[in-house]
Amino acid sequence: MAGKIKVMCDKIIAQRANGNPVVEKLTKTKLVLKGINPEQFTASSPDDPLIIAKLVQIGKDLGVAL
């Protein structure tokens, strides 16, 4: 399923921000600092197992259920 990375990034950002644009920007910045630029991925981006594993770990660290 292409686009899984995009869905995971969006889910992390949405759950952390809870509608707050400042927290949304902060969460995107945290993802970039951890090596994943959410703006880089689209719904047609191929799924990379290494990036998916990294997102799962980031989700656990941030307290987000993926």
PDB file of N, CA and C in Angstrom:
ATOM      1  N   MET A   1       0.838  -1.176   0.000  1.00  0.00           N
ATOM      2  CA  MET A   1       0.000   0.000   0.000  1.00  0.00           C
ATOM      3  C   MET A   1       0.886   1.243   0.000  1.00  0.00           C
ATOM      4  N   ALA A   2       0.937   1.925  -1.090  1.00  0.00           N
ATOM      5  CA  ALA A   2       1.716   3.151  -1.184  1.00  0.00           C
ATOM      6  C   ALA A   2       1.062   4.244  -0.351  1.00  0.00           C
ATOM      7  N   GLY A   3       1.877   5.095   0.231  1.00  0.00           N
ATOM      8  CA  GLY A   3       1.349   6.205   1.009  1.00  0.00           C
ATOM      9  C   GLY A   3       1.204   5.943   2.491  1.00  0.00           C
ATOM     10  N   LYS A   4       1.644   4.788   2.968  1.00  0.00           N
ATOM     11  CA  LYS A   4       1.506   4.468   4.386  1.00  0.00           C
ATOM     12  C   LYS A   4       2.323   5.436   5.249  1.00  0.00           C
ATOM     13  N   ILE A   5       3.475   5.845   4.752  1.00  0.00           N
ATOM     14  CA  ILE A   5       4.318   6.781   5.499  1.00  0.00           C
ATOM     15  C   ILE A   5       3.592   8.112   5.674  1.00  0.00           C
ATOM     16  N   LYS A   6       2.958   8.587   4.623  1.00  0.00           N
ATOM     17  CA  LYS A   6       2.193   9.844   4.684  1.00  0.00           C
ATOM     18  C   LYS A   6       1.079   9.744   5.722  1.00  0.00           C
ATOM     19  N   VAL A   7       0.375   8.632   5.709  1.00  0.00           N
ATOM     20  CA  VAL A   7      -0.728   8.428   6.665  1.00  0.00           C
ATOM     21  C   VAL A   7      -0.198   8.413   8.094  1.00  0.00           C
ATOM     22  N   MET A   8       0.923   7.742   8.304  1.00  0.00           N
ATOM     23  CA  MET A   8       1.498   7.664   9.647  1.00  0.00           C
ATOM     24  C   MET A   8       1.963   9.040  10.127  1.00  0.00           C
ATOM     25  N   CYS A   9       2.619   9.797   9.255  1.00  0.00           N
ATOM     26  CA  CYS A   9       3.062  11.150   9.618  1.00  0.00           C
ATOM     27  C   CYS A   9       1.860  12.020   9.975  1.00  0.00           C
ATOM     28  N   ASP A  10       0.838  11.973   9.149  1.00  0.00           N
ATOM     29  CA  ASP A  10      -0.363  12.774   9.398  1.00  0.00           C
ATOM     30  C   ASP A  10      -1.030  12.389  10.710  1.00  0.00           C
ATOM     31  N   LYS A  11      -1.026  11.099  11.017  1.00  0.00           N
ATOM     32  CA  LYS A  11      -1.656  10.624  12.246  1.00  0.00           C
ATOM     33  C   LYS A  11      -0.883  11.117  13.478  1.00  0.00           C
ATOM     34  N   ILE A  12       0.439  11.040  13.412  1.00  0.00           N
ATOM     35  CA  ILE A  12       1.268  11.520  14.520  1.00  0.00           C
ATOM     36  C   ILE A  12       1.030  13.014  14.732  1.00  0.00           C
ATOM     37  N   ILE A  13       1.045  13.767  13.660  1.00  0.00           N
ATOM     38  CA  ILE A  13       0.869  15.218  13.751  1.00  0.00           C
ATOM     39  C   ILE A  13      -0.524  15.567  14.281  1.00  0.00           C
ATOM     40  N   ALA A  14      -1.546  14.909  13.760  1.00  0.00           N
ATOM     41  CA  ALA A  14      -2.920  15.212  14.169  1.00  0.00           C
ATOM     42  C   ALA A  14      -3.170  14.868  15.635  1.00  0.00           C
ATOM     43  N   GLN A  15      -2.677  13.721  16.071  1.00  0.00           N
ATOM     44  CA  GLN A  15      -2.923  13.304  17.453  1.00  0.00           C
ATOM     45  C   GLN A  15      -2.158  14.173  18.446  1.00  0.00           C
ATOM     46  N   ARG A  16      -0.942  14.557  18.092  1.00  0.00           N
ATOM     47  CA  ARG A  16      -0.154  15.409  18.987  1.00  0.00           C
ATOM     48  C   ARG A  16      -0.721  16.833  19.033  1.00  0.00           C
ATOM     49  N   ALA A  17      -1.099  17.365  17.870  1.00  0.00           N
ATOM     50  CA  ALA A  17      -1.532  18.761  17.785  1.00  0.00           C
ATOM     51  C   ALA A  17      -2.935  18.965  18.335  1.00  0.00           C
ATOM     52  N   ASN A  18      -3.808  18.023  18.085  1.00  0.00           N
ATOM     53  CA  ASN A  18      -5.191  18.122  18.548  1.00  0.00           C
ATOM     54  C   ASN A  18      -5.825  19.451  18.139  1.00  0.00           C
ATOM     55  N   GLY A  19      -5.522  19.889  16.900  1.00  0.00           N
ATOM     56  CA  GLY A  19      -6.123  21.109  16.375  1.00  0.00           C
ATOM     57  C   GLY A  19      -5.336  22.381  16.644  1.00  0.00           C
ATOM     58  N   ASN A  20      -4.270  22.303  17.415  1.00  0.00           N
ATOM     59  CA  ASN A  20      -3.471  23.474  17.749  1.00  0.00           C
ATOM     60  C   ASN A  20      -2.381  23.664  16.687  1.00  0.00           C
ATOM     61  N   PRO A  21      -2.414  24.746  15.908  1.00  0.00           N
ATOM     62  CA  PRO A  21      -1.440  24.930  14.822  1.00  0.00           C
ATOM     63  C   PRO A  21       0.003  25.079  15.302  1.00  0.00           C
ATOM     64  N   VAL A  22       0.201  25.606  16.505  1.00  0.00           N
ATOM     65  CA  VAL A  22       1.555  25.756  17.037  1.00  0.00           C
ATOM     66  C   VAL A  22       2.154  24.381  17.343  1.00  0.00           C
ATOM     67  N   VAL A  23       1.372  23.526  17.979  1.00  0.00           N
ATOM     68  CA  VAL A  23       1.841  22.174  18.302  1.00  0.00           C
ATOM     69  C   VAL A  23       2.024  21.368  17.018  1.00  0.00           C
ATOM     70  N   GLU A  24       1.189  21.616  16.024  1.00  0.00           N
ATOM     71  CA  GLU A  24       1.328  20.940  14.730  1.00  0.00           C
ATOM     72  C   GLU A  24       2.688  21.271  14.108  1.00  0.00           C
ATOM     73  N   LYS A  25       3.040  22.531  14.091  1.00  0.00           N
ATOM     74  CA  LYS A  25       4.329  22.977  13.532  1.00  0.00           C
ATOM     75  C   LYS A  25       5.488  22.396  14.342  1.00  0.00           C
ATOM     76  N   LEU A  26       5.341  22.386  15.662  1.00  0.00           N
ATOM     77  CA  LEU A  26       6.369  21.839  16.540  1.00  0.00           C
ATOM     78  C   LEU A  26       6.569  20.348  16.288  1.00  0.00           C
ATOM     79  N   THR A  27       5.484  19.617  16.099  1.00  0.00           N
ATOM     80  CA  THR A  27       5.573  18.181  15.840  1.00  0.00           C
ATOM     81  C   THR A  27       6.227  17.910  14.494  1.00  0.00           C
ATOM     82  N   LYS A  28       5.902  18.705  13.483  1.00  0.00           N
ATOM     83  CA  LYS A  28       6.558  18.557  12.178  1.00  0.00           C
ATOM     84  C   LYS A  28       8.058  18.799  12.315  1.00  0.00           C
ATOM     85  N   THR A  29       8.414  19.788  13.112  1.00  0.00           N
ATOM     86  CA  THR A  29       9.829  20.091  13.329  1.00  0.00           C
ATOM     87  C   THR A  29      10.527  18.932  14.038  1.00  0.00           C
ATOM     88  N   LYS A  30       9.851  18.336  15.019  1.00  0.00           N
ATOM     89  CA  LYS A  30      10.431  17.178  15.712  1.00  0.00           C
ATOM     90  C   LYS A  30      10.672  16.029  14.749  1.00  0.00           C
ATOM     91  N   LEU A  31       9.724  15.797  13.835  1.00  0.00           N
ATOM     92  CA  LEU A  31       9.897  14.736  12.851  1.00  0.00           C
ATOM     93  C   LEU A  31      11.095  15.023  11.945  1.00  0.00           C
ATOM     94  N   VAL A  32      11.235  16.277  11.532  1.00  0.00           N
ATOM     95  CA  VAL A  32      12.365  16.646  10.678  1.00  0.00           C
ATOM     96  C   VAL A  32      13.678  16.442  11.427  1.00  0.00           C
ATOM     97  N   LEU A  33      13.717  16.831  12.685  1.00  0.00           N
ATOM     98  CA  LEU A  33      14.930  16.660  13.482  1.00  0.00           C
ATOM     99  C   LEU A  33      15.280  15.182  13.683  1.00  0.00           C
ATOM    100  N   LYS A  34      14.274  14.325  13.643  1.00  0.00           N
ATOM    101  CA  LYS A  34      14.511  12.893  13.778  1.00  0.00           C
ATOM    102  C   LYS A  34      14.778  12.223  12.431  1.00  0.00           C
ATOM    103  N   GLY A  35      14.838  13.023  11.360  1.00  0.00           N
ATOM    104  CA  GLY A  35      15.235  12.500  10.057  1.00  0.00           C
ATOM    105  C   GLY A  35      14.111  12.198   9.090  1.00  0.00           C
ATOM    106  N   ILE A  36      12.876  12.606   9.412  1.00  0.00           N
ATOM    107  CA  ILE A  36      11.745  12.343   8.530  1.00  0.00           C
ATOM    108  C   ILE A  36      11.036  13.663   8.243  1.00  0.00           C
ATOM    109  N   ASN A  37      11.071  14.074   6.984  1.00  0.00           N
ATOM    110  CA  ASN A  37      10.400  15.299   6.576  1.00  0.00           C
ATOM    111  C   ASN A  37       9.005  14.938   6.080  1.00  0.00           C
ATOM    112  N   PRO A  38       7.949  15.251   6.852  1.00  0.00           N
ATOM    113  CA  PRO A  38       6.595  14.863   6.452  1.00  0.00           C
ATOM    114  C   PRO A  38       6.135  15.514   5.151  1.00  0.00           C
ATOM    115  N   GLU A  39       6.707  16.655   4.793  1.00  0.00           N
ATOM    116  CA  GLU A  39       6.336  17.336   3.554  1.00  0.00           C
ATOM    117  C   GLU A  39       6.872  16.599   2.326  1.00  0.00           C
ATOM    118  N   GLN A  40       7.828  15.724   2.530  1.00  0.00           N
ATOM    119  CA  GLN A  40       8.478  15.007   1.446  1.00  0.00           C
ATOM    120  C   GLN A  40       7.624  13.840   0.934  1.00  0.00           C
ATOM    121  N   PHE A  41       6.710  13.362   1.728  1.00  0.00           N
ATOM    122  CA  PHE A  41       5.936  12.170   1.388  1.00  0.00           C
ATOM    123  C   PHE A  41       4.525  12.534   0.920  1.00  0.00           C
ATOM    124  N   THR A  42       4.058  11.799  -0.087  1.00  0.00           N
ATOM    125  CA  THR A  42       2.712  11.982  -0.621  1.00  0.00           C
ATOM    126  C   THR A  42       1.968  10.658  -0.551  1.00  0.00           C
ATOM    127  N   ALA A  43       0.718  10.669  -0.994  1.00  0.00           N
ATOM    128  CA  ALA A  43      -0.084   9.449  -0.991  1.00  0.00           C
ATOM    129  C   ALA A  43       0.446   8.415  -1.971  1.00  0.00           C
ATOM    130  N   SER A  44       1.267   8.837  -2.929  1.00  0.00           N
ATOM    131  CA  SER A  44       1.806   7.886  -3.902  1.00  0.00           C
ATOM    132  C   SER A  44       3.270   7.534  -3.626  1.00  0.00           C
ATOM    133  N   SER A  45       3.818   7.999  -2.512  1.00  0.00           N
ATOM    134  CA  SER A  45       5.204   7.681  -2.160  1.00  0.00           C
ATOM    135  C   SER A  45       5.331   6.195  -1.823  1.00  0.00           C
ATOM    136  N   PRO A  46       6.405   5.559  -2.285  1.00  0.00           N
ATOM    137  CA  PRO A  46       6.593   4.144  -1.958  1.00  0.00           C
ATOM    138  C   PRO A  46       6.871   3.957  -0.469  1.00  0.00           C
ATOM    139  N   ASP A  47       6.454   2.828   0.058  1.00  0.00           N
ATOM    140  CA  ASP A  47       6.643   2.527   1.472  1.00  0.00           C
ATOM    141  C   ASP A  47       8.027   1.936   1.700  1.00  0.00           C
ATOM    142  N   ASP A  48       8.782   2.545   2.594  1.00  0.00           N
ATOM    143  CA  ASP A  48      10.108   2.087   2.964  1.00  0.00           C
ATOM    144  C   ASP A  48      10.008   1.491   4.374  1.00  0.00           C
ATOM    145  N   PRO A  49      10.306   0.204   4.525  1.00  0.00           N
ATOM    146  CA  PRO A  49      10.176  -0.432   5.842  1.00  0.00           C
ATOM    147  C   PRO A  49      11.023   0.234   6.929  1.00  0.00           C
ATOM    148  N   LEU A  50      12.173   0.772   6.576  1.00  0.00           N
ATOM    149  CA  LEU A  50      13.024   1.434   7.571  1.00  0.00           C
ATOM    150  C   LEU A  50      12.378   2.716   8.087  1.00  0.00           C
ATOM    151  N   ILE A  51      11.781   3.477   7.205  1.00  0.00           N
ATOM    152  CA  ILE A  51      11.113   4.715   7.620  1.00  0.00           C
ATOM    153  C   ILE A  51       9.865   4.393   8.431  1.00  0.00           C
ATOM    154  N   ILE A  52       9.143   3.361   8.027  1.00  0.00           N
ATOM    155  CA  ILE A  52       7.943   2.952   8.779  1.00  0.00           C
ATOM    156  C   ILE A  52       8.330   2.532  10.191  1.00  0.00           C
ATOM    157  N   ALA A  53       9.415   1.770  10.327  1.00  0.00           N
ATOM    158  CA  ALA A  53       9.882   1.344  11.653  1.00  0.00           C
ATOM    159  C   ALA A  53      10.295   2.552  12.493  1.00  0.00           C
ATOM    160  N   LYS A  54      10.938   3.530  11.854  1.00  0.00           N
ATOM    161  CA  LYS A  54      11.349   4.737  12.556  1.00  0.00           C
ATOM    162  C   LYS A  54      10.125   5.519  13.026  1.00  0.00           C
ATOM    163  N   LEU A  55       9.089   5.589  12.180  1.00  0.00           N
ATOM    164  CA  LEU A  55       7.859   6.298  12.564  1.00  0.00           C
ATOM    165  C   LEU A  55       7.142   5.600  13.713  1.00  0.00           C
ATOM    166  N   VAL A  56       7.159   4.276  13.712  1.00  0.00           N
ATOM    167  CA  VAL A  56       6.539   3.536  14.818  1.00  0.00           C
ATOM    168  C   VAL A  56       7.250   3.879  16.120  1.00  0.00           C
ATOM    169  N   GLN A  57       8.585   3.933  16.077  1.00  0.00           N
ATOM    170  CA  GLN A  57       9.353   4.261  17.282  1.00  0.00           C
ATOM    171  C   GLN A  57       9.096   5.706  17.703  1.00  0.00           C
ATOM    172  N   ILE A  58       9.048   6.611  16.768  1.00  0.00           N
ATOM    173  CA  ILE A  58       8.757   8.010  17.086  1.00  0.00           C
ATOM    174  C   ILE A  58       7.368   8.131  17.703  1.00  0.00           C
ATOM    175  N   GLY A  59       6.407   7.396  17.151  1.00  0.00           N
ATOM    176  CA  GLY A  59       5.051   7.402  17.709  1.00  0.00           C
ATOM    177  C   GLY A  59       5.040   6.935  19.157  1.00  0.00           C
ATOM    178  N   LYS A  60       5.803   5.883  19.440  1.00  0.00           N
ATOM    179  CA  LYS A  60       5.891   5.394  20.819  1.00  0.00           C
ATOM    180  C   LYS A  60       6.526   6.449  21.719  1.00  0.00           C
ATOM    181  N   ASP A  61       7.591   7.079  21.232  1.00  0.00           N
ATOM    182  CA  ASP A  61       8.271   8.095  22.024  1.00  0.00           C
ATOM    183  C   ASP A  61       7.372   9.295  22.336  1.00  0.00           C
ATOM    184  N   LEU A  62       6.526   9.656  21.379  1.00  0.00           N
ATOM    185  CA  LEU A  62       5.641  10.803  21.540  1.00  0.00           C
ATOM    186  C   LEU A  62       4.296  10.442  22.168  1.00  0.00           C
ATOM    187  N   GLY A  63       4.074   9.162  22.419  1.00  0.00           N
ATOM    188  CA  GLY A  63       2.824   8.736  23.035  1.00  0.00           C
ATOM    189  C   GLY A  63       1.648   8.702  22.093  1.00  0.00           C
ATOM    190  N   VAL A  64       1.919   8.412  20.805  1.00  0.00           N
ATOM    191  CA  VAL A  64       0.875   8.357  19.794  1.00  0.00           C
ATOM    192  C   VAL A  64       0.663   6.909  19.373  1.00  0.00           C
ATOM    193  N   ALA A  65      -0.579   6.461  19.373  1.00  0.00           N
ATOM    194  CA  ALA A  65      -0.897   5.100  18.952  1.00  0.00           C
ATOM    195  C   ALA A  65      -1.037   5.062  17.430  1.00  0.00           C
ATOM    196  N   LEU A  66      -0.199   4.271  16.793  1.00  0.00           N
ATOM    197  CA  LEU A  66      -0.292   4.111  15.348  1.00  0.00           C
ATOM    198  C   LEU A  66      -0.943   2.791  15.084  1.00  0.00           C
TER     199      LEU A  66
END
